Amino acid sequence: MSSFDRQQADRLLQHINGIEQLLTEVDEAGAEEVLDELYMLITKLFEQFPQLDKDED
């Protein structure tokens, strides 16, 4: 069960599809920039929700 409502799920999917499309258009340097931005996004998520930053064995 998703914790998103339909509109939120659609927005997330739209962003993911956009990133996937971008990856088909960039070279390795561009892919590294995408990776850097995704890393920063994940870092922000962990800062906002520190309980998510746990090791799962």
C-alpha atoms as a PDB file:
ATOM      1  CA  MET A   1       0.000   0.000   0.000  1.00  0.00           C
ATOM      2  CA  SER A   2       1.364   3.370  -1.022  1.00  0.00           C
ATOM      3  CA  SER A   3       1.409   6.280   1.377  1.00  0.00           C
ATOM      4  CA  PHE A   4       0.980   8.619  -1.591  1.00  0.00           C
ATOM      5  CA  ASP A   5      -2.311   9.810  -2.889  1.00  0.00           C
ATOM      6  CA  ARG A   6      -2.905   9.400  -6.631  1.00  0.00           C
ATOM      7  CA  GLN A   7      -1.664  12.898  -7.504  1.00  0.00           C
ATOM      8  CA  GLN A   8       1.551  12.468  -5.500  1.00  0.00           C
ATOM      9  CA  ALA A   9       2.229   9.061  -7.048  1.00  0.00           C
ATOM     10  CA  ASP A  10       1.690  10.515 -10.522  1.00  0.00           C
ATOM     11  CA  ARG A  11       4.060  13.417  -9.792  1.00  0.00           C
ATOM     12  CA  LEU A  12       6.774  11.084  -8.522  1.00  0.00           C
ATOM     13  CA  LEU A  13       6.405   8.828 -11.546  1.00  0.00           C
ATOM     14  CA  GLN A  14       6.577  11.854 -13.848  1.00  0.00           C
ATOM     15  CA  HIS A  15       9.851  12.966 -12.229  1.00  0.00           C
ATOM     16  CA  ILE A  16      11.334   9.473 -12.399  1.00  0.00           C
ATOM     17  CA  ASN A  17      10.388   9.199 -16.067  1.00  0.00           C
ATOM     18  CA  GLY A  18      11.991  12.591 -16.696  1.00  0.00           C
ATOM     19  CA  ILE A  19      15.236  11.497 -15.053  1.00  0.00           C
ATOM     20  CA  GLU A  20      15.231   8.252 -17.022  1.00  0.00           C
ATOM     21  CA  GLN A  21      14.726  10.225 -20.248  1.00  0.00           C
ATOM     22  CA  LEU A  22      17.529  12.603 -19.290  1.00  0.00           C
ATOM     23  CA  LEU A  23      19.850   9.640 -18.771  1.00  0.00           C
ATOM     24  CA  THR A  24      19.283   8.586 -22.384  1.00  0.00           C
ATOM     25  CA  GLU A  25      20.414  12.036 -23.513  1.00  0.00           C
ATOM     26  CA  VAL A  26      23.564  12.664 -21.478  1.00  0.00           C
ATOM     27  CA  ASP A  27      27.126  11.454 -21.617  1.00  0.00           C
ATOM     28  CA  GLU A  28      29.149  10.163 -18.675  1.00  0.00           C
ATOM     29  CA  ALA A  29      29.797  13.672 -17.333  1.00  0.00           C
ATOM     30  CA  GLY A  30      26.083  14.433 -17.478  1.00  0.00           C
ATOM     31  CA  ALA A  31      25.280  11.152 -15.768  1.00  0.00           C
ATOM     32  CA  GLU A  32      27.708  12.104 -13.001  1.00  0.00           C
ATOM     33  CA  GLU A  33      25.847  15.401 -12.529  1.00  0.00           C
ATOM     34  CA  VAL A  34      22.556  13.509 -12.297  1.00  0.00           C
ATOM     35  CA  LEU A  35      24.110  11.164  -9.748  1.00  0.00           C
ATOM     36  CA  ASP A  36      25.387  14.118  -7.699  1.00  0.00           C
ATOM     37  CA  GLU A  37      21.931  15.696  -7.656  1.00  0.00           C
ATOM     38  CA  LEU A  38      20.270  12.407  -6.704  1.00  0.00           C
ATOM     39  CA  TYR A  39      22.795  11.975  -3.907  1.00  0.00           C
ATOM     40  CA  MET A  40      21.944  15.464  -2.613  1.00  0.00           C
ATOM     41  CA  LEU A  41      18.237  14.632  -2.774  1.00  0.00           C
ATOM     42  CA  ILE A  42      18.748  11.426  -0.801  1.00  0.00           C
ATOM     43  CA  THR A  43      20.859  13.331   1.720  1.00  0.00           C
ATOM     44  CA  LYS A  44      18.001  15.827   2.177  1.00  0.00           C
ATOM     45  CA  LEU A  45      15.561  12.947   2.693  1.00  0.00           C
ATOM     46  CA  PHE A  46      17.753  11.457   5.410  1.00  0.00           C
ATOM     47  CA  GLU A  47      18.126  14.873   7.060  1.00  0.00           C
ATOM     48  CA  GLN A  48      14.365  15.355   7.093  1.00  0.00           C
ATOM     49  CA  PHE A  49      13.605  11.758   8.090  1.00  0.00           C
ATOM     50  CA  PRO A  50      16.654  10.434  10.006  1.00  0.00           C
ATOM     51  CA  GLN A  51      14.780   7.288  11.022  1.00  0.00           C
ATOM     52  CA  LEU A  52      15.073   6.148   7.391  1.00  0.00           C
ATOM     53  CA  ASP A  53      18.865   6.013   7.674  1.00  0.00           C
ATOM     54  CA  LYS A  54      19.191   2.586   9.211  1.00  0.00           C
ATOM     55  CA  ASP A  55      21.061  -0.512   8.158  1.00  0.00           C
ATOM     56  CA  GLU A  56      18.860  -3.401   7.133  1.00  0.00           C
ATOM     57  CA  ASP A  57      20.618  -6.720   7.571  1.00  0.00           C
END
